[in-house]
Amino acid sequence: MSTTVIHKNFLSKKKEIKKNISDFNTSGILFGDGKRNKIKFFDLNGVTINIKSFKIPHLINKVAYKYFRKSKARRSYEYANRLLESGIGTPKPIAYYENFSVVGLQESFYISEHLQAELTFRELVLDQDYPDHENILRQFTKFTFDLHEKGVEFLDHSPGNTLIKKSSQNQYEFFLVDLNRMIFHEVMDFDSRMKNFHRLTPKTEMLAVMSDEYAKLYHKEYDEVFSKMCFYTDDFQVKLQKKIALKKKLLFWR
């Protein structure tokens, strides 16, 4: 049994979309290393689209995604539509596809328009001399503040998951990708807002700029914002290093 849901704006391309999904393993241009989930580029009547194939889940999740939880593909599609309705940037959602066996979910795909961006947040972390660095960082902070004001907690708010496009000389647009983990709140409290920055960068100088901008927008003292943002970032970094060390010990034979 399979499910295909296509956005109303792309229903006229239903046949082509289904063919691209069925041909996923034998065609398309691979993006990235494809170690976990695979993303491929396809042409849809002159428009470049991304098809993301999610890793086949283990047995427990196969059952969970069939009976108790929405699949990552479905969540990505539904969250993308919800973000756009709220005026938040993300590549246009096109469709999602799920294939179920008797046991549970097997294959699942999320399809969206490909968005060509100049950079991601990662470039700001890796290159402190990136042109217009502080201005981009402040506008990114404003973008994140707007997410929070709209009650959006993007759980995968990490360096590679925000695409950045230059829209004019000093202005930038931001687009979220990898959308399957989000929480939508009526109101986000201060701690939740600050914790949402914890994956982005360990660099104190970047946290200082983001804290300064967020404090102005949130009408809160800079020291309080900076202290809390650093606390959650440091906590994440400590846990991350422990996780890396443990993985090295467990996989020493590789």
C-alpha atoms as a PDB file:
ATOM      1  CA  MET A   1       0.000   0.000   0.000  1.00  0.00           C
ATOM      2  CA  SER A   2       1.333   3.435  -0.864  1.00  0.00           C
ATOM      3  CA  THR A   3       0.333   7.053  -0.335  1.00  0.00           C
ATOM      4  CA  THR A   4       1.184   9.951  -2.624  1.00  0.00           C
ATOM      5  CA  VAL A   5       0.164  13.500  -1.712  1.00  0.00           C
ATOM      6  CA  ILE A   6       0.885  16.250  -4.238  1.00  0.00           C
ATOM      7  CA  HIS A   7       0.535  19.980  -3.659  1.00  0.00           C
ATOM      8  CA  LYS A   8      -2.326  21.536  -5.606  1.00  0.00           C
ATOM      9  CA  ASN A   9       0.109  23.733  -7.555  1.00  0.00           C
ATOM     10  CA  PHE A  10       1.834  20.638  -8.960  1.00  0.00           C
ATOM     11  CA  LEU A  11      -1.091  18.312  -9.663  1.00  0.00           C
ATOM     12  CA  SER A  12      -0.618  18.816 -13.398  1.00  0.00           C
ATOM     13  CA  LYS A  13       2.861  17.231 -12.995  1.00  0.00           C
ATOM     14  CA  LYS A  14       1.592  14.171 -11.090  1.00  0.00           C
ATOM     15  CA  LYS A  15       2.730  11.671 -13.722  1.00  0.00           C
ATOM     16  CA  GLU A  16       6.253  13.126 -13.934  1.00  0.00           C
ATOM     17  CA  ILE A  17       6.606  13.336 -10.140  1.00  0.00           C
ATOM     18  CA  LYS A  18       5.601   9.692  -9.712  1.00  0.00           C
ATOM     19  CA  LYS A  19       8.071   8.649 -12.423  1.00  0.00           C
ATOM     20  CA  ASN A  20      10.916  10.508 -10.711  1.00  0.00           C
ATOM     21  CA  ILE A  21      10.106   8.731  -7.452  1.00  0.00           C
ATOM     22  CA  SER A  22       9.963   5.311  -9.122  1.00  0.00           C
ATOM     23  CA  ASP A  23      13.278   6.031 -10.907  1.00  0.00           C
ATOM     24  CA  PHE A  24      14.993   7.380  -7.788  1.00  0.00           C
ATOM     25  CA  ASN A  25      17.524   4.560  -7.440  1.00  0.00           C
ATOM     26  CA  THR A  26      18.580   4.581 -11.084  1.00  0.00           C
ATOM     27  CA  SER A  27      18.541   8.267 -12.054  1.00  0.00           C
ATOM     28  CA  GLY A  28      18.890  11.771 -10.676  1.00  0.00           C
ATOM     29  CA  ILE A  29      22.021  13.581  -9.452  1.00  0.00           C
ATOM     30  CA  LEU A  30      23.124  12.703  -5.918  1.00  0.00           C
ATOM     31  CA  PHE A  31      23.631  15.614  -3.516  1.00  0.00           C
ATOM     32  CA  GLY A  32      26.016  14.989  -0.600  1.00  0.00           C
ATOM     33  CA  ASP A  33      27.376  11.644   0.521  1.00  0.00           C
ATOM     34  CA  GLY A  34      24.005   9.909   0.902  1.00  0.00           C
ATOM     35  CA  LYS A  35      25.208   7.961   3.945  1.00  0.00           C
ATOM     36  CA  ARG A  36      21.990   8.385   5.893  1.00  0.00           C
ATOM     37  CA  ASN A  37      19.205   9.914   3.881  1.00  0.00           C
ATOM     38  CA  LYS A  38      19.706  10.410   0.138  1.00  0.00           C
ATOM     39  CA  ILE A  39      18.897  13.619  -1.718  1.00  0.00           C
ATOM     40  CA  LYS A  40      18.868  13.718  -5.509  1.00  0.00           C
ATOM     41  CA  PHE A  41      18.218  16.466  -8.047  1.00  0.00           C
ATOM     42  CA  PHE A  42      15.701  15.840 -10.826  1.00  0.00           C
ATOM     43  CA  ASP A  43      14.379  17.957 -13.661  1.00  0.00           C
ATOM     44  CA  LEU A  44      10.624  18.587 -13.604  1.00  0.00           C
ATOM     45  CA  ASN A  45       9.761  20.276 -16.901  1.00  0.00           C
ATOM     46  CA  GLY A  46      12.627  22.729 -16.638  1.00  0.00           C
ATOM     47  CA  VAL A  47      12.458  23.171 -12.853  1.00  0.00           C
ATOM     48  CA  THR A  48      15.088  21.534 -10.633  1.00  0.00           C
ATOM     49  CA  ILE A  49      13.536  19.636  -7.745  1.00  0.00           C
ATOM     50  CA  ASN A  50      14.963  17.799  -4.735  1.00  0.00           C
ATOM     51  CA  ILE A  51      13.771  14.334  -3.817  1.00  0.00           C
ATOM     52  CA  LYS A  52      14.807  13.212  -0.342  1.00  0.00           C
ATOM     53  CA  SER A  53      14.704   9.484   0.332  1.00  0.00           C
ATOM     54  CA  PHE A  54      14.569   8.756   4.041  1.00  0.00           C
ATOM     55  CA  LYS A  55      16.456   5.792   5.443  1.00  0.00           C
ATOM     56  CA  ILE A  56      14.225   2.732   5.895  1.00  0.00           C
ATOM     57  CA  PRO A  57      13.396   2.713   9.622  1.00  0.00           C
ATOM     58  CA  HIS A  58      14.125  -0.137  12.009  1.00  0.00           C
ATOM     59  CA  LEU A  59      11.289  -2.494  12.942  1.00  0.00           C
ATOM     60  CA  ILE A  60       9.870  -0.526  15.888  1.00  0.00           C
ATOM     61  CA  ASN A  61       9.747   2.703  13.884  1.00  0.00           C
ATOM     62  CA  LYS A  62       8.288   0.902  10.875  1.00  0.00           C
ATOM     63  CA  VAL A  63       5.301   0.043  13.029  1.00  0.00           C
ATOM     64  CA  ALA A  64       5.236   3.449  14.751  1.00  0.00           C
ATOM     65  CA  TYR A  65       5.197   5.351  11.446  1.00  0.00           C
ATOM     66  CA  LYS A  66       2.348   3.218  10.163  1.00  0.00           C
ATOM     67  CA  TYR A  67       0.052   3.360  13.185  1.00  0.00           C
ATOM     68  CA  PHE A  68       1.140   6.004  15.709  1.00  0.00           C
ATOM     69  CA  ARG A  69       3.294   8.748  14.183  1.00  0.00           C
ATOM     70  CA  LYS A  70       3.502  10.645  10.940  1.00  0.00           C
ATOM     71  CA  SER A  71       6.488   9.721   8.778  1.00  0.00           C
ATOM     72  CA  LYS A  72       9.408  12.112   8.363  1.00  0.00           C
ATOM     73  CA  ALA A  73       8.383  12.647   4.741  1.00  0.00           C
ATOM     74  CA  ARG A  74       4.824  13.592   5.672  1.00  0.00           C
ATOM     75  CA  ARG A  75       5.958  15.857   8.500  1.00  0.00           C
ATOM     76  CA  SER A  76       8.440  17.592   6.199  1.00  0.00           C
ATOM     77  CA  TYR A  77       5.685  18.291   3.678  1.00  0.00           C
ATOM     78  CA  GLU A  78       3.111  19.445   6.227  1.00  0.00           C
ATOM     79  CA  TYR A  79       5.597  21.568   8.164  1.00  0.00           C
ATOM     80  CA  ALA A  80       6.798  23.239   4.949  1.00  0.00           C
ATOM     81  CA  ASN A  81       3.249  24.261   4.119  1.00  0.00           C
ATOM     82  CA  ARG A  82       2.708  25.514   7.653  1.00  0.00           C
ATOM     83  CA  LEU A  83       5.927  27.564   7.561  1.00  0.00           C
ATOM     84  CA  LEU A  84       4.992  29.200   4.259  1.00  0.00           C
ATOM     85  CA  GLU A  85       1.523  30.011   5.581  1.00  0.00           C
ATOM     86  CA  SER A  86       3.258  31.781   8.488  1.00  0.00           C
ATOM     87  CA  GLY A  87       5.530  33.753   6.168  1.00  0.00           C
ATOM     88  CA  ILE A  88       8.641  31.721   7.011  1.00  0.00           C
ATOM     89  CA  GLY A  89      11.031  30.818   4.209  1.00  0.00           C
ATOM     90  CA  THR A  90      11.509  27.243   3.045  1.00  0.00           C
ATOM     91  CA  PRO A  91      11.795  25.652  -0.434  1.00  0.00           C
ATOM     92  CA  LYS A  92       8.335  25.114  -1.945  1.00  0.00           C
ATOM     93  CA  PRO A  93       6.860  21.719  -0.989  1.00  0.00           C
ATOM     94  CA  ILE A  94       5.761  19.597  -3.943  1.00  0.00           C
ATOM     95  CA  ALA A  95       4.783  16.172  -2.625  1.00  0.00           C
ATOM     96  CA  TYR A  96       5.469  13.279  -0.310  1.00  0.00           C
ATOM     97  CA  TYR A  97       5.313   9.544  -0.896  1.00  0.00           C
ATOM     98  CA  GLU A  98       5.040   6.640   1.566  1.00  0.00           C
ATOM     99  CA  ASN A  99       5.198   2.929   0.844  1.00  0.00           C
ATOM    100  CA  PHE A 100       3.867   0.562   3.530  1.00  0.00           C
ATOM    101  CA  SER A 101       4.252  -3.192   3.910  1.00  0.00           C
ATOM    102  CA  VAL A 102       2.215  -5.410   6.228  1.00  0.00           C
ATOM    103  CA  VAL A 103       4.773  -4.695   8.959  1.00  0.00           C
ATOM    104  CA  GLY A 104       4.970  -0.920   8.538  1.00  0.00           C
ATOM    105  CA  LEU A 105       6.641   1.934   6.698  1.00  0.00           C
ATOM    106  CA  GLN A 106       9.243   1.024   4.075  1.00  0.00           C
ATOM    107  CA  GLU A 107      10.221   3.754   1.626  1.00  0.00           C
ATOM    108  CA  SER A 108       9.344   7.409   2.070  1.00  0.00           C
ATOM    109  CA  PHE A 109      10.217  10.495   0.012  1.00  0.00           C
ATOM    110  CA  TYR A 110       9.822  14.248   0.382  1.00  0.00           C
ATOM    111  CA  ILE A 111       9.869  16.347  -2.787  1.00  0.00           C
ATOM    112  CA  SER A 112      10.480  20.097  -2.906  1.00  0.00           C
ATOM    113  CA  GLU A 113      11.705  22.732  -5.307  1.00  0.00           C
ATOM    114  CA  HIS A 114      15.470  23.181  -5.368  1.00  0.00           C
ATOM    115  CA  LEU A 115      16.532  26.548  -3.994  1.00  0.00           C
ATOM    116  CA  GLN A 116      19.901  27.917  -5.106  1.00  0.00           C
ATOM    117  CA  ALA A 117      21.472  29.803  -2.187  1.00  0.00           C
ATOM    118  CA  GLU A 118      24.736  31.708  -1.798  1.00  0.00           C
ATOM    119  CA  LEU A 119      25.588  30.114   1.543  1.00  0.00           C
ATOM    120  CA  THR A 120      24.366  28.355   4.671  1.00  0.00           C
ATOM    121  CA  PHE A 121      24.952  29.359   8.275  1.00  0.00           C
ATOM    122  CA  ARG A 122      27.912  26.953   8.268  1.00  0.00           C
ATOM    123  CA  GLU A 123      29.979  29.337   6.117  1.00  0.00           C
ATOM    124  CA  LEU A 124      29.593  32.003   8.813  1.00  0.00           C
ATOM    125  CA  VAL A 125      30.936  29.566  11.415  1.00  0.00           C
ATOM    126  CA  LEU A 126      33.881  28.424   9.295  1.00  0.00           C
ATOM    127  CA  ASP A 127      34.904  31.818   7.913  1.00  0.00           C
ATOM    128  CA  GLN A 128      34.896  34.777  10.277  1.00  0.00           C
ATOM    129  CA  ASP A 129      36.034  36.965   7.369  1.00  0.00           C
ATOM    130  CA  TYR A 130      33.090  36.062   5.162  1.00  0.00           C
ATOM    131  CA  PRO A 131      31.897  39.266   3.422  1.00  0.00           C
ATOM    132  CA  ASP A 132      29.243  41.161   5.415  1.00  0.00           C
ATOM    133  CA  HIS A 133      29.585  38.564   8.200  1.00  0.00           C
ATOM    134  CA  GLU A 134      28.147  40.571  11.097  1.00  0.00           C
ATOM    135  CA  ASN A 135      25.249  41.971   9.077  1.00  0.00           C
ATOM    136  CA  ILE A 136      24.242  38.474   7.909  1.00  0.00           C
ATOM    137  CA  LEU A 137      24.553  37.166  11.467  1.00  0.00           C
ATOM    138  CA  ARG A 138      22.322  39.920  12.822  1.00  0.00           C
ATOM    139  CA  GLN A 139      19.718  39.358  10.110  1.00  0.00           C
ATOM    140  CA  PHE A 140      19.836  35.618  10.814  1.00  0.00           C
ATOM    141  CA  THR A 141      19.187  36.387  14.490  1.00  0.00           C
ATOM    142  CA  LYS A 142      16.194  38.503  13.486  1.00  0.00           C
ATOM    143  CA  PHE A 143      14.964  35.590  11.357  1.00  0.00           C
ATOM    144  CA  THR A 144      15.274  33.241  14.341  1.00  0.00           C
ATOM    145  CA  PHE A 145      13.536  35.778  16.591  1.00  0.00           C
ATOM    146  CA  ASP A 146      10.638  35.898  14.112  1.00  0.00           C
ATOM    147  CA  LEU A 147      10.429  32.091  14.226  1.00  0.00           C
ATOM    148  CA  HIS A 148      10.155  32.253  18.001  1.00  0.00           C
ATOM    149  CA  GLU A 149       7.568  35.022  17.903  1.00  0.00           C
ATOM    150  CA  LYS A 150       5.460  32.794  15.659  1.00  0.00           C
ATOM    151  CA  GLY A 151       5.880  29.893  18.084  1.00  0.00           C
ATOM    152  CA  VAL A 152       8.138  27.806  15.839  1.00  0.00           C
ATOM    153  CA  GLU A 153      10.796  25.759  17.608  1.00  0.00           C
ATOM    154  CA  PHE A 154      12.991  24.285  14.886  1.00  0.00           C
ATOM    155  CA  LEU A 155      14.657  21.369  16.667  1.00  0.00           C
ATOM    156  CA  ASP A 156      17.273  20.886  13.940  1.00  0.00           C
ATOM    157  CA  HIS A 157      18.370  24.540  13.982  1.00  0.00           C
ATOM    158  CA  SER A 158      21.960  23.682  13.060  1.00  0.00           C
ATOM    159  CA  PRO A 159      24.597  25.192  10.702  1.00  0.00           C
ATOM    160  CA  GLY A 160      23.586  23.328   7.538  1.00  0.00           C
ATOM    161  CA  ASN A 161      19.828  23.713   7.839  1.00  0.00           C
ATOM    162  CA  THR A 162      19.371  27.389   6.961  1.00  0.00           C
ATOM    163  CA  LEU A 163      19.945  28.444   3.358  1.00  0.00           C
ATOM    164  CA  ILE A 164      20.858  32.104   2.891  1.00  0.00           C
ATOM    165  CA  LYS A 165      20.195  34.152  -0.250  1.00  0.00           C
ATOM    166  CA  LYS A 166      21.259  37.712  -0.899  1.00  0.00           C
ATOM    167  CA  SER A 167      18.170  39.639  -1.995  1.00  0.00           C
ATOM    168  CA  SER A 168      19.717  43.111  -2.362  1.00  0.00           C
ATOM    169  CA  GLN A 169      22.938  44.926  -1.513  1.00  0.00           C
ATOM    170  CA  ASN A 170      22.657  44.573   2.271  1.00  0.00           C
ATOM    171  CA  GLN A 171      19.602  42.344   2.688  1.00  0.00           C
ATOM    172  CA  TYR A 172      19.337  38.570   2.986  1.00  0.00           C
ATOM    173  CA  GLU A 173      16.604  35.947   2.926  1.00  0.00           C
ATOM    174  CA  PHE A 174      16.628  32.770   5.010  1.00  0.00           C
ATOM    175  CA  PHE A 175      15.103  29.373   4.222  1.00  0.00           C
ATOM    176  CA  LEU A 176      14.788  26.379   6.536  1.00  0.00           C
ATOM    177  CA  VAL A 177      15.485  22.848   5.282  1.00  0.00           C
ATOM    178  CA  ASP A 178      15.440  19.403   6.920  1.00  0.00           C
ATOM    179  CA  LEU A 179      12.055  20.122   8.425  1.00  0.00           C
ATOM    180  CA  ASN A 180      10.820  16.916  10.018  1.00  0.00           C
ATOM    181  CA  ARG A 181      11.531  17.909  13.657  1.00  0.00           C
ATOM    182  CA  MET A 182       9.565  20.927  14.862  1.00  0.00           C
ATOM    183  CA  ILE A 183       7.389  21.982  17.764  1.00  0.00           C
ATOM    184  CA  PHE A 184       4.717  24.646  17.328  1.00  0.00           C
ATOM    185  CA  HIS A 185       3.932  26.660  20.471  1.00  0.00           C
ATOM    186  CA  GLU A 186       1.336  29.214  21.384  1.00  0.00           C
ATOM    187  CA  VAL A 187       4.154  31.159  23.077  1.00  0.00           C
ATOM    188  CA  MET A 188       7.855  30.325  23.417  1.00  0.00           C
ATOM    189  CA  ASP A 189       9.437  31.142  26.765  1.00  0.00           C
ATOM    190  CA  PHE A 190      12.867  32.697  27.212  1.00  0.00           C
ATOM    191  CA  ASP A 191      14.723  29.467  27.983  1.00  0.00           C
ATOM    192  CA  SER A 192      13.255  27.655  24.974  1.00  0.00           C
ATOM    193  CA  ARG A 193      14.308  30.554  22.762  1.00  0.00           C
ATOM    194  CA  MET A 194      17.877  30.547  24.045  1.00  0.00           C
ATOM    195  CA  LYS A 195      18.220  26.773  23.894  1.00  0.00           C
ATOM    196  CA  ASN A 196      17.187  26.896  20.233  1.00  0.00           C
ATOM    197  CA  PHE A 197      20.587  28.501  19.442  1.00  0.00           C
ATOM    198  CA  HIS A 198      22.635  25.738  21.085  1.00  0.00           C
ATOM    199  CA  ARG A 199      23.573  23.760  17.943  1.00  0.00           C
ATOM    200  CA  LEU A 200      24.598  26.702  15.769  1.00  0.00           C
ATOM    201  CA  THR A 201      28.125  27.663  16.823  1.00  0.00           C
ATOM    202  CA  PRO A 202      30.536  27.263  19.739  1.00  0.00           C
ATOM    203  CA  LYS A 203      32.253  30.556  18.872  1.00  0.00           C
ATOM    204  CA  THR A 204      31.805  33.084  21.663  1.00  0.00           C
ATOM    205  CA  GLU A 205      32.223  36.073  19.362  1.00  0.00           C
ATOM    206  CA  MET A 206      29.293  34.898  17.227  1.00  0.00           C
ATOM    207  CA  LEU A 207      27.161  34.215  20.289  1.00  0.00           C
ATOM    208  CA  ALA A 208      27.953  37.744  21.481  1.00  0.00           C
ATOM    209  CA  VAL A 209      26.660  39.291  18.245  1.00  0.00           C
ATOM    210  CA  MET A 210      23.518  37.142  18.220  1.00  0.00           C
ATOM    211  CA  SER A 211      22.889  37.886  21.904  1.00  0.00           C
ATOM    212  CA  ASP A 212      23.238  41.603  21.293  1.00  0.00           C
ATOM    213  CA  GLU A 213      20.752  41.539  18.409  1.00  0.00           C
ATOM    214  CA  TYR A 214      18.284  39.220  20.171  1.00  0.00           C
ATOM    215  CA  ALA A 215      18.384  41.312  23.361  1.00  0.00           C
ATOM    216  CA  LYS A 216      17.399  44.416  21.376  1.00  0.00           C
ATOM    217  CA  LEU A 217      14.532  42.592  19.656  1.00  0.00           C
ATOM    218  CA  TYR A 218      13.307  40.858  22.826  1.00  0.00           C
ATOM    219  CA  HIS A 219      13.765  43.954  25.054  1.00  0.00           C
ATOM    220  CA  LYS A 220      15.927  42.061  27.518  1.00  0.00           C
ATOM    221  CA  GLU A 221      19.332  42.796  29.045  1.00  0.00           C
ATOM    222  CA  TYR A 222      22.258  41.698  26.888  1.00  0.00           C
ATOM    223  CA  ASP A 223      24.085  40.004  29.788  1.00  0.00           C
ATOM    224  CA  GLU A 224      21.086  37.813  30.546  1.00  0.00           C
ATOM    225  CA  VAL A 225      20.669  36.766  26.914  1.00  0.00           C
ATOM    226  CA  PHE A 226      24.384  36.133  26.410  1.00  0.00           C
ATOM    227  CA  SER A 227      24.705  34.165  29.646  1.00  0.00           C
ATOM    228  CA  LYS A 228      21.770  31.893  28.830  1.00  0.00           C
ATOM    229  CA  MET A 229      22.753  31.399  25.195  1.00  0.00           C
ATOM    230  CA  CYS A 230      26.293  30.443  26.237  1.00  0.00           C
ATOM    231  CA  PHE A 231      24.979  28.098  28.931  1.00  0.00           C
ATOM    232  CA  TYR A 232      22.934  26.023  26.486  1.00  0.00           C
ATOM    233  CA  THR A 233      25.673  26.112  23.834  1.00  0.00           C
ATOM    234  CA  ASP A 234      28.348  24.946  26.298  1.00  0.00           C
ATOM    235  CA  ASP A 235      26.063  22.212  27.617  1.00  0.00           C
ATOM    236  CA  PHE A 236      25.485  20.951  24.078  1.00  0.00           C
ATOM    237  CA  GLN A 237      29.200  21.020  23.240  1.00  0.00           C
ATOM    238  CA  VAL A 238      30.099  19.019  26.369  1.00  0.00           C
ATOM    239  CA  LYS A 239      27.482  16.370  25.545  1.00  0.00           C
ATOM    240  CA  LEU A 240      28.583  16.306  21.911  1.00  0.00           C
ATOM    241  CA  GLN A 241      32.243  15.713  22.811  1.00  0.00           C
ATOM    242  CA  LYS A 242      31.270  12.937  25.222  1.00  0.00           C
ATOM    243  CA  LYS A 243      29.182  11.329  22.500  1.00  0.00           C
ATOM    244  CA  ILE A 244      32.076  11.520  20.018  1.00  0.00           C
ATOM    245  CA  ALA A 245      34.512  10.039  22.555  1.00  0.00           C
ATOM    246  CA  LEU A 246      32.125   7.198  23.365  1.00  0.00           C
ATOM    247  CA  LYS A 247      31.590   6.444  19.689  1.00  0.00           C
ATOM    248  CA  LYS A 248      35.352   6.245  19.135  1.00  0.00           C
ATOM    249  CA  LYS A 249      35.680   3.747  22.000  1.00  0.00           C
ATOM    250  CA  LEU A 250      32.838   1.580  20.772  1.00  0.00           C
ATOM    251  CA  LEU A 251      34.042   1.646  17.174  1.00  0.00           C
ATOM    252  CA  PHE A 252      37.783   1.406  17.891  1.00  0.00           C
ATOM    253  CA  TRP A 253      38.053  -1.604  15.578  1.00  0.00           C
ATOM    254  CA  ARG A 254      37.050   0.307  12.465  1.00  0.00           C
END
